PDB file of N, CA and C in Angstrom:
ATOM      1  N   MET A   1     -37.301 -95.860  43.142  1.00  0.00           N
ATOM      2  CA  MET A   1     -38.251 -96.905  43.470  1.00  0.00           C
ATOM      3  C   MET A   1     -39.563 -96.785  42.696  1.00  0.00           C
ATOM      4  N   PRO A   2     -40.130 -95.570  42.478  1.00  0.00           N
ATOM      5  CA  PRO A   2     -41.376 -95.490  41.724  1.00  0.00           C
ATOM      6  C   PRO A   2     -41.238 -96.036  40.301  1.00  0.00           C
ATOM      7  N   SER A   3     -40.069 -95.885  39.701  1.00  0.00           N
ATOM      8  CA  SER A   3     -39.891 -96.388  38.333  1.00  0.00           C
ATOM      9  C   SER A   3     -40.038 -97.906  38.281  1.00  0.00           C
ATOM     10  N   GLN A   4     -39.629 -98.584  39.345  1.00  0.00           N
ATOM     11  CA  GLN A   4     -39.776-100.033  39.381  1.00  0.00           C
ATOM     12  C   GLN A   4     -41.243-100.424  39.469  1.00  0.00           C
ATOM     13  N   TRP A   5     -42.039 -99.665  40.203  1.00  0.00           N
ATOM     14  CA  TRP A   5     -43.457 -99.984  40.328  1.00  0.00           C
ATOM     15  C   TRP A   5     -44.183 -99.824  39.002  1.00  0.00           C
ATOM     16  N   VAL A   6     -43.777 -98.861  38.204  1.00  0.00           N
ATOM     17  CA  VAL A   6     -44.361 -98.713  36.869  1.00  0.00           C
ATOM     18  C   VAL A   6     -44.092 -99.973  36.051  1.00  0.00           C
ATOM     19  N   ILE A   7     -42.894-100.489  36.161  1.00  0.00           N
ATOM     20  CA  ILE A   7     -42.536-101.707  35.430  1.00  0.00           C
ATOM     21  C   ILE A   7     -43.316-102.899  35.962  1.00  0.00           C
ATOM     22  N   TYR A   8     -43.519-102.979  37.259  1.00  0.00           N
ATOM     23  CA  TYR A   8     -44.261-104.113  37.827  1.00  0.00           C
ATOM     24  C   TYR A   8     -45.731-104.080  37.410  1.00  0.00           C
ATOM     25  N   VAL A   9     -46.320-102.895  37.361  1.00  0.00           N
ATOM     26  CA  VAL A   9     -47.702-102.772  36.888  1.00  0.00           C
ATOM     27  C   VAL A   9     -47.777-103.133  35.410  1.00  0.00           C
ATOM     28  N   ALA A  10     -46.805-102.687  34.631  1.00  0.00           N
ATOM     29  CA  ALA A  10     -46.770-103.029  33.205  1.00  0.00           C
ATOM     30  C   ALA A  10     -46.609-104.538  33.017  1.00  0.00           C
ATOM     31  N   THR A  11     -45.864-105.177  33.913  1.00  0.00           N
ATOM     32  CA  THR A  11     -45.703-106.632  33.842  1.00  0.00           C
ATOM     33  C   THR A  11     -47.036-107.326  34.049  1.00  0.00           C
ATOM     34  N   ALA A  12     -47.801-106.892  35.038  1.00  0.00           N
ATOM     35  CA  ALA A  12     -49.115-107.497  35.289  1.00  0.00           C
ATOM     36  C   ALA A  12     -50.056-107.262  34.109  1.00  0.00           C
ATOM     37  N   ILE A  13     -50.036-106.071  33.540  1.00  0.00           N
ATOM     38  CA  ILE A  13     -50.880-105.780  32.378  1.00  0.00           C
ATOM     39  C   ILE A  13     -50.465-106.647  31.194  1.00  0.00           C
ATOM     40  N   ALA A  14     -49.161-106.779  30.967  1.00  0.00           N
ATOM     41  CA  ALA A  14     -48.670-107.601  29.859  1.00  0.00           C
ATOM     42  C   ALA A  14     -49.059-109.066  30.052  1.00  0.00           C
ATOM     43  N   CYS A  15     -49.030-109.540  31.274  1.00  0.00           N
ATOM     44  CA  CYS A  15     -49.448-110.925  31.548  1.00  0.00           C
ATOM     45  C   CYS A  15     -50.913-111.122  31.208  1.00  0.00           C
ATOM     46  N   GLU A  16     -51.741-110.180  31.598  1.00  0.00           N
ATOM     47  CA  GLU A  16     -53.171-110.286  31.309  1.00  0.00           C
ATOM     48  C   GLU A  16     -53.417-110.241  29.805  1.00  0.00           C
ATOM     49  N   VAL A  17     -52.730-109.364  29.129  1.00  0.00           N
ATOM     50  CA  VAL A  17     -52.869-109.276  27.675  1.00  0.00           C
ATOM     51  C   VAL A  17     -52.409-110.579  27.017  1.00  0.00           C
ATOM     52  N   ALA A  18     -51.317-111.149  27.521  1.00  0.00           N
ATOM     53  CA  ALA A  18     -50.784-112.390  26.946  1.00  0.00           C
ATOM     54  C   ALA A  18     -51.787-113.536  27.027  1.00  0.00           C
ATOM     55  N   LEU A  19     -52.600-113.535  28.061  1.00  0.00           N
ATOM     56  CA  LEU A  19     -53.599-114.597  28.194  1.00  0.00           C
ATOM     57  C   LEU A  19     -54.665-114.527  27.106  1.00  0.00           C
ATOM     58  N   HIS A  20     -54.844-113.357  26.520  1.00  0.00           N
ATOM     59  CA  HIS A  20     -55.897-113.174  25.524  1.00  0.00           C
ATOM     60  C   HIS A  20     -55.378-113.154  24.088  1.00  0.00           C
ATOM     61  N   LEU A  21     -54.085-113.228  23.906  1.00  0.00           N
ATOM     62  CA  LEU A  21     -53.512-113.220  22.556  1.00  0.00           C
ATOM     63  C   LEU A  21     -53.308-114.654  22.061  1.00  0.00           C
ATOM     64  N   PRO A  22     -53.371-114.863  20.764  1.00  0.00           N
ATOM     65  CA  PRO A  22     -53.279-116.224  20.210  1.00  0.00           C
ATOM     66  C   PRO A  22     -51.839-116.734  20.051  1.00  0.00           C
ATOM     67  N   PHE A  23     -51.067-116.704  21.133  1.00  0.00           N
ATOM     68  CA  PHE A  23     -49.687-117.187  21.062  1.00  0.00           C
ATOM     69  C   PHE A  23     -49.636-118.672  20.720  1.00  0.00           C
ATOM     70  N   ARG A  24     -50.420-119.458  21.421  1.00  0.00           N
ATOM     71  CA  ARG A  24     -50.375-120.911  21.223  1.00  0.00           C
ATOM     72  C   ARG A  24     -50.742-121.279  19.792  1.00  0.00           C
ATOM     73  N   GLN A  25     -51.808-120.691  19.282  1.00  0.00           N
ATOM     74  CA  GLN A  25     -52.242-120.979  17.917  1.00  0.00           C
ATOM     75  C   GLN A  25     -51.174-120.572  16.900  1.00  0.00           C
ATOM     76  N   THR A  26     -50.552-119.430  17.119  1.00  0.00           N
ATOM     77  CA  THR A  26     -49.521-118.956  16.197  1.00  0.00           C
ATOM     78  C   THR A  26     -48.306-119.873  16.218  1.00  0.00           C
ATOM     79  N   ILE A  27     -47.878-120.280  17.387  1.00  0.00           N
ATOM     80  CA  ILE A  27     -46.727-121.183  17.494  1.00  0.00           C
ATOM     81  C   ILE A  27     -47.056-122.547  16.883  1.00  0.00           C
ATOM     82  N   GLU A  28     -48.274-123.044  17.122  1.00  0.00           N
ATOM     83  CA  GLU A  28     -48.670-124.322  16.528  1.00  0.00           C
ATOM     84  C   GLU A  28     -48.709-124.234  15.005  1.00  0.00           C
ATOM     85  N   THR A  29     -49.163-123.111  14.481  1.00  0.00           N
ATOM     86  CA  THR A  29     -49.166-122.910  13.033  1.00  0.00           C
ATOM     87  C   THR A  29     -47.739-122.930  12.486  1.00  0.00           C
ATOM     88  N   MET A  30     -46.852-122.239  13.173  1.00  0.00           N
ATOM     89  CA  MET A  30     -45.456-122.201  12.723  1.00  0.00           C
ATOM     90  C   MET A  30     -44.825-123.590  12.769  1.00  0.00           C
ATOM     91  N   LEU A  31     -45.008-124.289  13.884  1.00  0.00           N
ATOM     92  CA  LEU A  31     -44.401-125.619  14.015  1.00  0.00           C
ATOM     93  C   LEU A  31     -45.010-126.618  13.041  1.00  0.00           C
ATOM     94  N   GLY A  32     -46.323-126.575  12.868  1.00  0.00           N
ATOM     95  CA  GLY A  32     -46.976-127.474  11.921  1.00  0.00           C
ATOM     96  C   GLY A  32     -46.497-127.249  10.499  1.00  0.00           C
ATOM     97  N   THR A  33     -46.363-125.991  10.123  1.00  0.00           N
ATOM     98  CA  THR A  33     -45.878-125.665   8.781  1.00  0.00           C
ATOM     99  C   THR A  33     -44.435-126.127   8.600  1.00  0.00           C
ATOM    100  N   LEU A  34     -43.618-125.922   9.617  1.00  0.00           N
ATOM    101  CA  LEU A  34     -42.224-126.380   9.541  1.00  0.00           C
ATOM    102  C   LEU A  34     -42.146-127.897   9.416  1.00  0.00           C
ATOM    103  N   GLN A  35     -42.955-128.602  10.198  1.00  0.00           N
ATOM    104  CA  GLN A  35     -42.945-130.071  10.135  1.00  0.00           C
ATOM    105  C   GLN A  35     -43.396-130.571   8.766  1.00  0.00           C
ATOM    106  N   ARG A  36     -44.464-129.979   8.230  1.00  0.00           N
ATOM    107  CA  ARG A  36     -44.938-130.402   6.904  1.00  0.00           C
ATOM    108  C   ARG A  36     -43.891-130.124   5.836  1.00  0.00           C
ATOM    109  N   SER A  37     -43.270-128.954   5.899  1.00  0.00           N
ATOM    110  CA  SER A  37     -42.268-128.640   4.881  1.00  0.00           C
ATOM    111  C   SER A  37     -41.047-129.558   5.001  1.00  0.00           C
ATOM    112  N   MET A  38     -40.660-129.901   6.214  1.00  0.00           N
ATOM    113  CA  MET A  38     -39.521-130.821   6.382  1.00  0.00           C
ATOM    114  C   MET A  38     -39.862-132.213   5.856  1.00  0.00           C
ATOM    115  N   ARG A  39     -41.096-132.668   6.086  1.00  0.00           N
ATOM    116  CA  ARG A  39     -41.506-133.972   5.551  1.00  0.00           C
ATOM    117  C   ARG A  39     -41.467-133.972   4.027  1.00  0.00           C
ATOM    118  N   VAL A  40     -41.870-132.870   3.428  1.00  0.00           N
ATOM    119  CA  VAL A  40     -41.839-132.774   1.967  1.00  0.00           C
ATOM    120  C   VAL A  40     -40.400-132.782   1.477  1.00  0.00           C
ATOM    121  N   ILE A  41     -39.535-132.032   2.133  1.00  0.00           N
ATOM    122  CA  ILE A  41     -38.145-131.918   1.690  1.00  0.00           C
ATOM    123  C   ILE A  41     -37.424-133.260   1.758  1.00  0.00           C
ATOM    124  N   VAL A  42     -37.584-134.001   2.848  1.00  0.00           N
ATOM    125  CA  VAL A  42     -36.824-135.239   3.015  1.00  0.00           C
ATOM    126  C   VAL A  42     -37.468-136.446   2.334  1.00  0.00           C
ATOM    127  N   SER A  43     -38.692-136.304   1.875  1.00  0.00           N
ATOM    128  CA  SER A  43     -39.373-137.442   1.258  1.00  0.00           C
ATOM    129  C   SER A  43     -38.772-137.769  -0.104  1.00  0.00           C
ATOM    130  N   LYS A  44     -38.495-139.035  -0.299  1.00  0.00           N
ATOM    131  CA  LYS A  44     -37.985-139.512  -1.595  1.00  0.00           C
ATOM    132  C   LYS A  44     -39.136-139.782  -2.563  1.00  0.00           C
ATOM    133  N   ARG A  45     -40.346-139.938  -2.018  1.00  0.00           N
ATOM    134  CA  ARG A  45     -41.486-140.294  -2.852  1.00  0.00           C
ATOM    135  C   ARG A  45     -42.173-139.085  -3.483  1.00  0.00           C
ATOM    136  N   ILE A  46     -41.800-137.881  -3.077  1.00  0.00           N
ATOM    137  CA  ILE A  46     -42.404-136.673  -3.632  1.00  0.00           C
ATOM    138  C   ILE A  46     -41.478-136.119  -4.707  1.00  0.00           C
ATOM    139  N   SER A  47     -42.049-135.830  -5.857  1.00  0.00           N
ATOM    140  CA  SER A  47     -41.237-135.355  -6.982  1.00  0.00           C
ATOM    141  C   SER A  47     -40.721-133.942  -6.721  1.00  0.00           C
ATOM    142  N   ASP A  48     -39.636-133.609  -7.400  1.00  0.00           N
ATOM    143  CA  ASP A  48     -39.069-132.273  -7.261  1.00  0.00           C
ATOM    144  C   ASP A  48     -40.044-131.217  -7.764  1.00  0.00           C
ATOM    145  N   HIS A  49     -40.810-131.556  -8.786  1.00  0.00           N
ATOM    146  CA  HIS A  49     -41.798-130.617  -9.310  1.00  0.00           C
ATOM    147  C   HIS A  49     -42.825-130.270  -8.226  1.00  0.00           C
ATOM    148  N   TRP A  50     -43.317-131.284  -7.521  1.00  0.00           N
ATOM    149  CA  TRP A  50     -44.295-131.031  -6.467  1.00  0.00           C
ATOM    150  C   TRP A  50     -43.661-130.253  -5.313  1.00  0.00           C
ATOM    151  N   LYS A  51     -42.414-130.557  -4.998  1.00  0.00           N
ATOM    152  CA  LYS A  51     -41.714-129.812  -3.944  1.00  0.00           C
ATOM    153  C   LYS A  51     -41.607-128.333  -4.317  1.00  0.00           C
ATOM    154  N   GLU A  52     -41.297-128.071  -5.584  1.00  0.00           N
ATOM    155  CA  GLU A  52     -41.196-126.682  -6.047  1.00  0.00           C
ATOM    156  C   GLU A  52     -42.544-125.969  -5.990  1.00  0.00           C
ATOM    157  N   THR A  53     -43.592-126.733  -6.088  1.00  0.00           N
ATOM    158  CA  THR A  53     -44.933-126.146  -6.048  1.00  0.00           C
ATOM    159  C   THR A  53     -45.388-125.872  -4.619  1.00  0.00           C
ATOM    160  N   VAL A  54     -45.148-126.823  -3.717  1.00  0.00           N
ATOM    161  CA  VAL A  54     -45.725-126.727  -2.382  1.00  0.00           C
ATOM    162  C   VAL A  54     -44.847-125.943  -1.392  1.00  0.00           C
ATOM    163  N   LEU A  55     -43.545-125.976  -1.547  1.00  0.00           N
ATOM    164  CA  LEU A  55     -42.671-125.302  -0.580  1.00  0.00           C
ATOM    165  C   LEU A  55     -42.854-123.776  -0.547  1.00  0.00           C
ATOM    166  N   PRO A  56     -43.071-123.108  -1.671  1.00  0.00           N
ATOM    167  CA  PRO A  56     -43.361-121.672  -1.573  1.00  0.00           C
ATOM    168  C   PRO A  56     -44.649-121.368  -0.790  1.00  0.00           C
ATOM    169  N   VAL A  57     -45.630-122.247  -0.901  1.00  0.00           N
ATOM    170  CA  VAL A  57     -46.864-122.068  -0.133  1.00  0.00           C
ATOM    171  C   VAL A  57     -46.565-122.172   1.358  1.00  0.00           C
ATOM    172  N   TYR A  58     -45.781-123.171   1.737  1.00  0.00           N
ATOM    173  CA  TYR A  58     -45.391-123.313   3.140  1.00  0.00           C
ATOM    174  C   TYR A  58     -44.558-122.126   3.606  1.00  0.00           C
ATOM    175  N   SER A  59     -43.716-121.619   2.724  1.00  0.00           N
ATOM    176  CA  SER A  59     -42.886-120.462   3.078  1.00  0.00           C
ATOM    177  C   SER A  59     -43.748-119.239   3.368  1.00  0.00           C
ATOM    178  N   ILE A  60     -44.767-119.032   2.564  1.00  0.00           N
ATOM    179  CA  ILE A  60     -45.662-117.890   2.779  1.00  0.00           C
ATOM    180  C   ILE A  60     -46.428-118.050   4.086  1.00  0.00           C
ATOM    181  N   ARG A  61     -46.905-119.261   4.367  1.00  0.00           N
ATOM    182  CA  ARG A  61     -47.603-119.503   5.636  1.00  0.00           C
ATOM    183  C   ARG A  61     -46.688-119.233   6.824  1.00  0.00           C
ATOM    184  N   LEU A  62     -45.454-119.703   6.738  1.00  0.00           N
ATOM    185  CA  LEU A  62     -44.498-119.502   7.824  1.00  0.00           C
ATOM    186  C   LEU A  62     -44.160-118.018   7.982  1.00  0.00           C
ATOM    187  N   PHE A  63     -44.019-117.316   6.878  1.00  0.00           N
ATOM    188  CA  PHE A  63     -43.744-115.886   6.926  1.00  0.00           C
ATOM    189  C   PHE A  63     -44.883-115.131   7.606  1.00  0.00           C
ATOM    190  N   LYS A  64     -46.124-115.442   7.226  1.00  0.00           N
ATOM    191  CA  LYS A  64     -47.281-114.777   7.834  1.00  0.00           C
ATOM    192  C   LYS A  64     -47.352-115.055   9.335  1.00  0.00           C
ATOM    193  N   ALA A  65     -47.132-116.304   9.720  1.00  0.00           N
ATOM    194  CA  ALA A  65     -47.165-116.646  11.144  1.00  0.00           C
ATOM    195  C   ALA A  65     -46.032-115.956  11.898  1.00  0.00           C
ATOM    196  N   SER A  66     -44.876-115.824  11.283  1.00  0.00           N
ATOM    197  CA  SER A  66     -43.747-115.143  11.922  1.00  0.00           C
ATOM    198  C   SER A  66     -44.030-113.658  12.122  1.00  0.00           C
ATOM    199  N   ILE A  67     -44.635-113.036  11.137  1.00  0.00           N
ATOM    200  CA  ILE A  67     -44.998-111.621  11.258  1.00  0.00           C
ATOM    201  C   ILE A  67     -46.057-111.443  12.348  1.00  0.00           C
ATOM    202  N   LEU A  68     -47.027-112.353  12.404  1.00  0.00           N
ATOM    203  CA  LEU A  68     -48.030-112.295  13.453  1.00  0.00           C
ATOM    204  C   LEU A  68     -47.389-112.462  14.824  1.00  0.00           C
ATOM    205  N   PHE A  69     -46.450-113.386  14.949  1.00  0.00           N
ATOM    206  CA  PHE A  69     -45.765-113.594  16.226  1.00  0.00           C
ATOM    207  C   PHE A  69     -45.007-112.337  16.640  1.00  0.00           C
ATOM    208  N   LEU A  70     -44.345-111.697  15.703  1.00  0.00           N
ATOM    209  CA  LEU A  70     -43.644-110.442  15.976  1.00  0.00           C
ATOM    210  C   LEU A  70     -44.622-109.366  16.442  1.00  0.00           C
ATOM    211  N   ALA A  71     -45.784-109.296  15.808  1.00  0.00           N
ATOM    212  CA  ALA A  71     -46.801-108.323  16.202  1.00  0.00           C
ATOM    213  C   ALA A  71     -47.313-108.609  17.616  1.00  0.00           C
ATOM    214  N   LEU A  72     -47.473-109.884  17.948  1.00  0.00           N
ATOM    215  CA  LEU A  72     -47.926-110.239  19.296  1.00  0.00           C
ATOM    216  C   LEU A  72     -46.903-109.817  20.349  1.00  0.00           C
ATOM    217  N   ILE A  73     -45.635-110.019  20.049  1.00  0.00           N
ATOM    218  CA  ILE A  73     -44.576-109.583  20.967  1.00  0.00           C
ATOM    219  C   ILE A  73     -44.608-108.053  21.114  1.00  0.00           C
ATOM    220  N   ALA A  74     -44.828-107.357  20.006  1.00  0.00           N
ATOM    221  CA  ALA A  74     -44.898-105.891  20.064  1.00  0.00           C
ATOM    222  C   ALA A  74     -46.068-105.435  20.937  1.00  0.00           C
ATOM    223  N   VAL A  75     -47.194-106.140  20.848  1.00  0.00           N
ATOM    224  CA  VAL A  75     -48.348-105.795  21.683  1.00  0.00           C
ATOM    225  C   VAL A  75     -48.001-106.000  23.163  1.00  0.00           C
ATOM    226  N   LEU A  76     -47.258-107.058  23.468  1.00  0.00           N
ATOM    227  CA  LEU A  76     -46.863-107.295  24.859  1.00  0.00           C
ATOM    228  C   LEU A  76     -45.917-106.218  25.388  1.00  0.00           C
ATOM    229  N   LEU A  77     -45.165-105.600  24.518  1.00  0.00           N
ATOM    230  CA  LEU A  77     -44.227-104.564  24.945  1.00  0.00           C
ATOM    231  C   LEU A  77     -44.893-103.195  25.121  1.00  0.00           C
ATOM    232  N   MET A  78     -46.110-103.050  24.619  1.00  0.00           N
ATOM    233  CA  MET A  78     -46.783-101.749  24.682  1.00  0.00           C
ATOM    234  C   MET A  78     -47.024-101.232  26.102  1.00  0.00           C
ATOM    235  N   PRO A  79     -47.429-102.076  27.060  1.00  0.00           N
ATOM    236  CA  PRO A  79     -47.584-101.528  28.418  1.00  0.00           C
ATOM    237  C   PRO A  79     -46.272-100.967  28.983  1.00  0.00           C
ATOM    238  N   PHE A  80     -45.164-101.596  28.644  1.00  0.00           N
ATOM    239  CA  PHE A  80     -43.865-101.107  29.114  1.00  0.00           C
ATOM    240  C   PHE A  80     -43.512 -99.785  28.430  1.00  0.00           C
ATOM    241  N   ALA A  81     -43.751 -99.711  27.122  1.00  0.00           N
ATOM    242  CA  ALA A  81     -43.452 -98.476  26.396  1.00  0.00           C
ATOM    243  C   ALA A  81     -44.327 -97.335  26.889  1.00  0.00           C
ATOM    244  N   ALA A  82     -45.616 -97.620  27.113  1.00  0.00           N
ATOM    245  CA  ALA A  82     -46.519 -96.578  27.613  1.00  0.00           C
ATOM    246  C   ALA A  82     -46.070 -96.101  28.999  1.00  0.00           C
ATOM    247  N   GLY A  83     -45.728 -97.042  29.872  1.00  0.00           N
ATOM    248  CA  GLY A  83     -45.242 -96.664  31.196  1.00  0.00           C
ATOM    249  C   GLY A  83     -43.953 -95.871  31.116  1.00  0.00           C
ATOM    250  N   GLY A  84     -43.081 -96.252  30.203  1.00  0.00           N
ATOM    251  CA  GLY A  84     -41.827 -95.527  30.035  1.00  0.00           C
ATOM    252  C   GLY A  84     -42.040 -94.101  29.580  1.00  0.00           C
ATOM    253  N   PHE A  85     -42.924 -93.912  28.613  1.00  0.00           N
ATOM    254  CA  PHE A  85     -43.173 -92.566  28.116  1.00  0.00           C
ATOM    255  C   PHE A  85     -43.971 -91.714  29.103  1.00  0.00           C
ATOM    256  N   LEU A  86     -44.964 -92.326  29.757  1.00  0.00           N
ATOM    257  CA  LEU A  86     -45.846 -91.539  30.625  1.00  0.00           C
ATOM    258  C   LEU A  86     -45.250 -91.241  31.991  1.00  0.00           C
ATOM    259  N   PHE A  87     -44.491 -92.184  32.548  1.00  0.00           N
ATOM    260  CA  PHE A  87     -44.066 -92.036  33.937  1.00  0.00           C
ATOM    261  C   PHE A  87     -42.558 -91.987  34.153  1.00  0.00           C
ATOM    262  N   LEU A  88     -41.788 -92.472  33.196  1.00  0.00           N
ATOM    263  CA  LEU A  88     -40.343 -92.573  33.436  1.00  0.00           C
ATOM    264  C   LEU A  88     -39.513 -91.605  32.598  1.00  0.00           C
ATOM    265  N   GLY A  89     -40.104 -90.907  31.691  1.00  0.00           N
ATOM    266  CA  GLY A  89     -39.342 -89.945  30.908  1.00  0.00           C
ATOM    267  C   GLY A  89     -38.771 -90.498  29.622  1.00  0.00           C
ATOM    268  N   GLY A  90     -39.193 -91.652  29.202  1.00  0.00           N
ATOM    269  CA  GLY A  90     -38.756 -92.176  27.917  1.00  0.00           C
ATOM    270  C   GLY A  90     -38.283 -93.613  27.963  1.00  0.00           C
ATOM    271  N   ILE A  91     -38.007 -94.120  26.780  1.00  0.00           N
ATOM    272  CA  ILE A  91     -37.593 -95.517  26.629  1.00  0.00           C
ATOM    273  C   ILE A  91     -36.219 -95.751  27.254  1.00  0.00           C
ATOM    274  N   LYS A  92     -35.351 -94.746  27.190  1.00  0.00           N
ATOM    275  CA  LYS A  92     -34.000 -94.923  27.741  1.00  0.00           C
ATOM    276  C   LYS A  92     -34.067 -95.203  29.246  1.00  0.00           C
ATOM    277  N   ASP A  93     -34.848 -94.419  29.970  1.00  0.00           N
ATOM    278  CA  ASP A  93     -34.984 -94.643  31.414  1.00  0.00           C
ATOM    279  C   ASP A  93     -35.631 -95.996  31.701  1.00  0.00           C
ATOM    280  N   LEU A  94     -36.603 -96.362  30.884  1.00  0.00           N
ATOM    281  CA  LEU A  94     -37.254 -97.662  31.029  1.00  0.00           C
ATOM    282  C   LEU A  94     -36.242 -98.786  30.842  1.00  0.00           C
ATOM    283  N   ALA A  95     -35.444 -98.699  29.780  1.00  0.00           N
ATOM    284  CA  ALA A  95     -34.458 -99.750  29.494  1.00  0.00           C
ATOM    285  C   ALA A  95     -33.421 -99.859  30.609  1.00  0.00           C
ATOM    286  N   VAL A  96     -32.979 -98.722  31.130  1.00  0.00           N
ATOM    287  CA  VAL A  96     -31.992 -98.735  32.215  1.00  0.00           C
ATOM    288  C   VAL A  96     -32.580 -99.404  33.455  1.00  0.00           C
ATOM    289  N   THR A  97     -33.810 -99.075  33.787  1.00  0.00           N
ATOM    290  CA  THR A  97     -34.446 -99.661  34.966  1.00  0.00           C
ATOM    291  C   THR A  97     -34.708-101.147  34.761  1.00  0.00           C
ATOM    292  N   MET A  98     -35.177-101.524  33.581  1.00  0.00           N
ATOM    293  CA  MET A  98     -35.488-102.938  33.324  1.00  0.00           C
ATOM    294  C   MET A  98     -34.242-103.808  33.239  1.00  0.00           C
ATOM    295  N   ALA A  99     -33.090-103.220  33.023  1.00  0.00           N
ATOM    296  CA  ALA A  99     -31.863-103.995  32.887  1.00  0.00           C
ATOM    297  C   ALA A  99     -31.226-104.350  34.233  1.00  0.00           C
ATOM    298  N   GLU A 100     -31.783-103.849  35.314  1.00  0.00           N
ATOM    299  CA  GLU A 100     -31.242-104.163  36.635  1.00  0.00           C
ATOM    300  C   GLU A 100     -31.687-105.566  37.041  1.00  0.00           C
ATOM    301  N   TRP A 101     -30.750-106.362  37.547  1.00  0.00           N
ATOM    302  CA  TRP A 101     -31.056-107.754  37.899  1.00  0.00           C
ATOM    303  C   TRP A 101     -32.165-107.901  38.929  1.00  0.00           C
ATOM    304  N   PRO A 102     -32.216-107.085  39.975  1.00  0.00           N
ATOM    305  CA  PRO A 102     -33.338-107.232  40.916  1.00  0.00           C
ATOM    306  C   PRO A 102     -34.701-106.987  40.257  1.00  0.00           C
ATOM    307  N   VAL A 103     -34.729-106.046  39.316  1.00  0.00           N
ATOM    308  CA  VAL A 103     -35.989-105.761  38.611  1.00  0.00           C
ATOM    309  C   VAL A 103     -36.351-106.940  37.704  1.00  0.00           C
ATOM    310  N   ILE A 104     -35.373-107.498  37.022  1.00  0.00           N
ATOM    311  CA  ILE A 104     -35.630-108.658  36.158  1.00  0.00           C
ATOM    312  C   ILE A 104     -36.147-109.829  36.981  1.00  0.00           C
ATOM    313  N   ALA A 105     -35.514-110.086  38.118  1.00  0.00           N
ATOM    314  CA  ALA A 105     -35.945-111.196  38.973  1.00  0.00           C
ATOM    315  C   ALA A 105     -37.350-110.954  39.516  1.00  0.00           C
ATOM    316  N   THR A 106     -37.638-109.734  39.919  1.00  0.00           N
ATOM    317  CA  THR A 106     -38.965-109.426  40.448  1.00  0.00           C
ATOM    318  C   THR A 106     -40.022-109.509  39.356  1.00  0.00           C
ATOM    319  N   MET A 107     -39.710-109.025  38.159  1.00  0.00           N
ATOM    320  CA  MET A 107     -40.651-109.127  37.041  1.00  0.00           C
ATOM    321  C   MET A 107     -40.962-110.588  36.722  1.00  0.00           C
ATOM    322  N   THR A 108     -39.931-111.420  36.718  1.00  0.00           N
ATOM    323  CA  THR A 108     -40.124-112.839  36.426  1.00  0.00           C
ATOM    324  C   THR A 108     -40.989-113.500  37.487  1.00  0.00           C
ATOM    325  N   ALA A 109     -40.669-113.240  38.746  1.00  0.00           N
ATOM    326  CA  ALA A 109     -41.457-113.823  39.836  1.00  0.00           C
ATOM    327  C   ALA A 109     -42.889-113.313  39.803  1.00  0.00           C
ATOM    328  N   LEU A 110     -43.053-112.018  39.589  1.00  0.00           N
ATOM    329  CA  LEU A 110     -44.388-111.433  39.523  1.00  0.00           C
ATOM    330  C   LEU A 110     -45.200-112.047  38.386  1.00  0.00           C
ATOM    331  N   ALA A 111     -44.591-112.197  37.214  1.00  0.00           N
ATOM    332  CA  ALA A 111     -45.294-112.778  36.069  1.00  0.00           C
ATOM    333  C   ALA A 111     -45.688-114.220  36.349  1.00  0.00           C
ATOM    334  N   CYS A 112     -44.779-114.991  36.926  1.00  0.00           N
ATOM    335  CA  CYS A 112     -45.088-116.399  37.237  1.00  0.00           C
ATOM    336  C   CYS A 112     -46.234-116.507  38.242  1.00  0.00           C
ATOM    337  N   VAL A 113     -46.167-115.730  39.301  1.00  0.00           N
ATOM    338  CA  VAL A 113     -47.221-115.783  40.332  1.00  0.00           C
ATOM    339  C   VAL A 113     -48.540-115.271  39.764  1.00  0.00           C
ATOM    340  N   TYR A 114     -48.501-114.174  39.030  1.00  0.00           N
ATOM    341  CA  TYR A 114     -49.717-113.602  38.462  1.00  0.00           C
ATOM    342  C   TYR A 114     -50.387-114.601  37.526  1.00  0.00           C
ATOM    343  N   LEU A 115     -49.616-115.169  36.608  1.00  0.00           N
ATOM    344  CA  LEU A 115     -50.199-116.118  35.650  1.00  0.00           C
ATOM    345  C   LEU A 115     -50.696-117.377  36.341  1.00  0.00           C
ATOM    346  N   TRP A 116     -49.957-117.858  37.333  1.00  0.00           N
ATOM    347  CA  TRP A 116     -50.406-119.052  38.062  1.00  0.00           C
ATOM    348  C   TRP A 116     -51.729-118.780  38.765  1.00  0.00           C
ATOM    349  N   LEU A 117     -51.832-117.650  39.469  1.00  0.00           N
ATOM    350  CA  LEU A 117     -53.076-117.305  40.161  1.00  0.00           C
ATOM    351  C   LEU A 117     -54.219-117.063  39.172  1.00  0.00           C
ATOM    352  N   ARG A 118     -53.910-116.386  38.102  1.00  0.00           N
ATOM    353  CA  ARG A 118     -54.940-116.054  37.113  1.00  0.00           C
ATOM    354  C   ARG A 118     -55.503-117.310  36.467  1.00  0.00           C
ATOM    355  N   VAL A 119     -54.640-118.227  36.091  1.00  0.00           N
ATOM    356  CA  VAL A 119     -55.087-119.472  35.467  1.00  0.00           C
ATOM    357  C   VAL A 119     -55.806-120.357  36.485  1.00  0.00           C
ATOM    358  N   LYS A 120     -55.281-120.390  37.701  1.00  0.00           N
ATOM    359  CA  LYS A 120     -55.902-121.224  38.744  1.00  0.00           C
ATOM    360  C   LYS A 120     -57.322-120.766  39.049  1.00  0.00           C
ATOM    361  N   PHE A 121     -57.526-119.480  39.209  1.00  0.00           N
ATOM    362  CA  PHE A 121     -58.853-118.975  39.559  1.00  0.00           C
ATOM    363  C   PHE A 121     -59.792-118.895  38.366  1.00  0.00           C
ATOM    364  N   ARG A 122     -59.244-118.871  37.164  1.00  0.00           N
ATOM    365  CA  ARG A 122     -60.104-118.876  35.984  1.00  0.00           C
ATOM    366  C   ARG A 122     -60.730-120.242  35.789  1.00  0.00           C
ATOM    367  N   HIS A 123     -59.964-121.315  36.065  1.00  0.00           N
ATOM    368  CA  HIS A 123     -60.465-122.675  35.860  1.00  0.00           C
ATOM    369  C   HIS A 123     -61.071-123.258  37.115  1.00  0.00           C
ATOM    370  N   GLY A 124     -60.826-122.688  38.259  1.00  0.00           N
ATOM    371  CA  GLY A 124     -61.260-123.311  39.499  1.00  0.00           C
ATOM    372  C   GLY A 124     -62.276-122.558  40.189  1.00  0.00           C
TER     373      GLY A 124
END
């Protein structure tokens, strides 16, 4: 039972951290870049020369945003990794505990309630 509480505390910490990370901006950058590149690709009015010039630029932007998104996910996993190493004896024990359905359901419910309360009281 104590191992589950470590995971629940890590869930609350990860939720708080998620509120301060630029997830929305990163996703909007990725989607905007994808939309612009698709418009360029399907356009009949844009020359192939211009497509060859602009698409690598869009590719680099998308790559950078993807790497940033991966880094943001890694930051969200840090409270779980720290809890696993400090209190559970390693990542293996953490993974075994987190893979249990009751723990997954409780983590999901806890995250939803925590974020709902946090956002509600921040704006209200």
